[in-house]
Amino acid sequence: MQVELREIQRQLGVTTIFVIHDQSEAFSLSDRLALMSEGRIRQLGTPQEIYPQALRPVCRVLPTAPM
């Protein structure tokens, strides 16, 4: 379903906001990510920018996420 969602986004040319708690799904669906903690954006960027620089403890599980 992730591939289908990305294709619909591209075809329609729309911006979509997903609230996702699964890091691998977030990386596969996103052009840009916002890492949030306590209701605040702590880090913003592309998956390629965020993955190697994920702030700890905001995203303790990110290093295990497949790219």
N, C-alpha and C. Protein backbone atom coordinates (compact mmCIF):
# COMPACT_ATOMS: atom_id res chain seq x y z
N MET A 1 0.80 -1.19 0.00
CA MET A 1 0.00 0.00 0.00
C MET A 1 0.86 1.27 0.00
N GLN A 2 2.07 1.19 0.54
CA GLN A 2 2.93 2.38 0.57
C GLN A 2 3.25 2.88 -0.82
N VAL A 3 3.52 1.96 -1.73
CA VAL A 3 3.84 2.33 -3.11
C VAL A 3 2.63 3.02 -3.75
N GLU A 4 1.45 2.50 -3.49
CA GLU A 4 0.24 3.08 -4.05
C GLU A 4 -0.01 4.48 -3.51
N LEU A 5 0.21 4.68 -2.21
CA LEU A 5 0.04 6.01 -1.63
C LEU A 5 1.00 7.02 -2.24
N ARG A 6 2.26 6.62 -2.41
CA ARG A 6 3.24 7.52 -3.03
C ARG A 6 2.84 7.87 -4.45
N GLU A 7 2.35 6.91 -5.20
CA GLU A 7 1.95 7.15 -6.59
C GLU A 7 0.76 8.11 -6.65
N ILE A 8 -0.22 7.93 -5.77
CA ILE A 8 -1.38 8.84 -5.73
C ILE A 8 -0.92 10.26 -5.39
N GLN A 9 -0.02 10.40 -4.43
CA GLN A 9 0.52 11.71 -4.08
C GLN A 9 1.16 12.38 -5.29
N ARG A 10 1.97 11.64 -6.00
CA ARG A 10 2.67 12.19 -7.18
C ARG A 10 1.69 12.56 -8.29
N GLN A 11 0.73 11.68 -8.55
CA GLN A 11 -0.23 11.94 -9.63
C GLN A 11 -1.06 13.19 -9.35
N LEU A 12 -1.49 13.34 -8.11
CA LEU A 12 -2.33 14.48 -7.74
C LEU A 12 -1.53 15.74 -7.43
N GLY A 13 -0.25 15.57 -7.17
CA GLY A 13 0.59 16.72 -6.83
C GLY A 13 0.20 17.37 -5.52
N VAL A 14 -0.17 16.54 -4.53
CA VAL A 14 -0.63 17.06 -3.25
C VAL A 14 0.40 16.82 -2.16
N THR A 15 0.33 17.66 -1.14
CA THR A 15 1.11 17.46 0.06
C THR A 15 0.27 16.66 1.03
N THR A 16 0.87 15.66 1.63
CA THR A 16 0.16 14.79 2.56
C THR A 16 0.92 14.72 3.87
N ILE A 17 0.21 14.80 4.96
CA ILE A 17 0.83 14.67 6.28
C ILE A 17 0.38 13.35 6.88
N PHE A 18 1.35 12.52 7.22
CA PHE A 18 1.08 11.24 7.88
C PHE A 18 1.60 11.32 9.30
N VAL A 19 0.86 10.76 10.23
CA VAL A 19 1.35 10.57 11.59
C VAL A 19 1.69 9.09 11.68
N ILE A 20 2.98 8.81 11.76
CA ILE A 20 3.47 7.43 11.68
C ILE A 20 4.39 7.16 12.86
N HIS A 21 4.19 6.02 13.49
CA HIS A 21 5.04 5.63 14.61
C HIS A 21 6.02 4.53 14.23
N ASP A 22 5.92 4.03 13.01
CA ASP A 22 6.81 2.99 12.53
C ASP A 22 7.89 3.64 11.67
N GLN A 23 9.16 3.55 12.12
CA GLN A 23 10.21 4.28 11.44
C GLN A 23 10.46 3.83 10.00
N SER A 24 10.35 2.54 9.72
CA SER A 24 10.59 2.09 8.34
C SER A 24 9.50 2.60 7.41
N GLU A 25 8.26 2.65 7.89
CA GLU A 25 7.17 3.20 7.09
C GLU A 25 7.36 4.70 6.88
N ALA A 26 7.79 5.39 7.91
CA ALA A 26 8.03 6.84 7.79
C ALA A 26 9.10 7.12 6.73
N PHE A 27 10.20 6.37 6.75
CA PHE A 27 11.26 6.59 5.78
C PHE A 27 10.81 6.26 4.37
N SER A 28 10.00 5.23 4.20
CA SER A 28 9.59 4.84 2.85
C SER A 28 8.54 5.76 2.25
N LEU A 29 7.73 6.41 3.08
CA LEU A 29 6.66 7.28 2.58
C LEU A 29 7.05 8.75 2.48
N SER A 30 8.14 9.13 3.08
CA SER A 30 8.41 10.56 3.27
C SER A 30 9.44 11.14 2.33
N ASP A 31 9.16 12.37 1.91
CA ASP A 31 10.17 13.21 1.27
C ASP A 31 10.87 14.04 2.34
N ARG A 32 10.08 14.39 3.39
CA ARG A 32 10.60 15.14 4.52
C ARG A 32 9.98 14.56 5.78
N LEU A 33 10.74 14.62 6.88
CA LEU A 33 10.30 14.09 8.16
C LEU A 33 10.37 15.18 9.22
N ALA A 34 9.47 15.09 10.18
CA ALA A 34 9.55 15.92 11.37
C ALA A 34 9.56 14.97 12.56
N LEU A 35 10.65 14.96 13.32
CA LEU A 35 10.72 14.17 14.53
C LEU A 35 10.18 15.03 15.65
N MET A 36 9.18 14.48 16.34
CA MET A 36 8.51 15.25 17.38
C MET A 36 8.69 14.60 18.74
N SER A 37 8.73 15.42 19.76
CA SER A 37 8.78 14.97 21.14
C SER A 37 8.04 15.98 21.98
N GLU A 38 7.15 15.49 22.81
CA GLU A 38 6.38 16.36 23.71
C GLU A 38 5.66 17.46 22.94
N GLY A 39 5.14 17.12 21.77
CA GLY A 39 4.35 18.06 20.98
C GLY A 39 5.14 19.12 20.23
N ARG A 40 6.44 18.99 20.20
CA ARG A 40 7.29 19.97 19.50
C ARG A 40 8.14 19.27 18.44
N ILE A 41 8.35 19.98 17.34
CA ILE A 41 9.25 19.46 16.31
C ILE A 41 10.67 19.63 16.82
N ARG A 42 11.38 18.51 16.90
CA ARG A 42 12.76 18.52 17.40
C ARG A 42 13.78 18.44 16.26
N GLN A 43 13.37 17.87 15.14
CA GLN A 43 14.27 17.76 13.99
C GLN A 43 13.43 17.69 12.73
N LEU A 44 13.89 18.36 11.68
CA LEU A 44 13.15 18.43 10.42
C LEU A 44 14.14 18.26 9.28
N GLY A 45 13.79 17.41 8.31
CA GLY A 45 14.68 17.22 7.16
C GLY A 45 14.25 16.04 6.32
N THR A 46 15.06 15.73 5.34
CA THR A 46 14.80 14.56 4.49
C THR A 46 15.19 13.30 5.26
N PRO A 47 14.70 12.14 4.84
CA PRO A 47 15.13 10.91 5.50
C PRO A 47 16.66 10.74 5.48
N GLN A 48 17.30 11.13 4.39
CA GLN A 48 18.75 11.01 4.29
C GLN A 48 19.47 11.96 5.25
N GLU A 49 18.87 13.11 5.55
CA GLU A 49 19.47 14.03 6.51
C GLU A 49 19.23 13.57 7.94
N ILE A 50 18.04 13.08 8.20
CA ILE A 50 17.64 12.72 9.56
C ILE A 50 18.32 11.43 10.03
N TYR A 51 18.35 10.43 9.18
CA TYR A 51 18.82 9.10 9.61
C TYR A 51 20.19 9.12 10.29
N PRO A 52 21.21 9.71 9.69
CA PRO A 52 22.53 9.66 10.35
C PRO A 52 22.66 10.62 11.52
N GLN A 53 21.75 11.58 11.66
CA GLN A 53 21.88 12.61 12.68
C GLN A 53 20.73 12.62 13.67
N ALA A 54 19.98 11.55 13.77
CA ALA A 54 18.81 11.53 14.64
C ALA A 54 19.19 11.92 16.07
N LEU A 55 18.45 12.86 16.61
CA LEU A 55 18.72 13.33 17.96
C LEU A 55 18.31 12.28 18.98
N ARG A 56 19.15 12.04 19.92
CA ARG A 56 18.78 11.13 21.00
C ARG A 56 18.46 12.00 22.20
N PRO A 57 17.52 11.72 23.05
CA PRO A 57 16.67 10.54 23.06
C PRO A 57 15.39 10.69 22.25
N VAL A 58 15.28 11.74 21.44
CA VAL A 58 14.05 11.96 20.67
C VAL A 58 13.68 10.73 19.87
N CYS A 59 14.65 10.09 19.27
CA CYS A 59 14.37 8.97 18.39
C CYS A 59 15.31 7.82 18.67
N ARG A 60 15.14 7.18 19.78
CA ARG A 60 16.03 6.09 20.18
C ARG A 60 16.02 4.93 19.21
N VAL A 61 14.90 4.72 18.49
CA VAL A 61 14.78 3.54 17.62
C VAL A 61 15.27 3.78 16.21
N LEU A 62 15.56 4.98 15.80
CA LEU A 62 15.95 5.26 14.44
C LEU A 62 17.17 4.49 13.94
N PRO A 63 18.21 4.33 14.71
CA PRO A 63 19.39 3.63 14.17
C PRO A 63 19.12 2.22 13.68
N THR A 64 18.03 1.60 14.11
CA THR A 64 17.72 0.24 13.66
C THR A 64 16.86 0.24 12.40
N ALA A 65 16.44 1.40 11.92
CA ALA A 65 15.55 1.48 10.77
C ALA A 65 16.31 1.18 9.48
N PRO A 66 15.77 0.31 8.63
CA PRO A 66 16.41 0.08 7.34
C PRO A 66 16.18 1.25 6.40
N MET A 67 17.18 1.58 5.61
CA MET A 67 17.04 2.68 4.66
C MET A 67 16.67 2.15 3.30
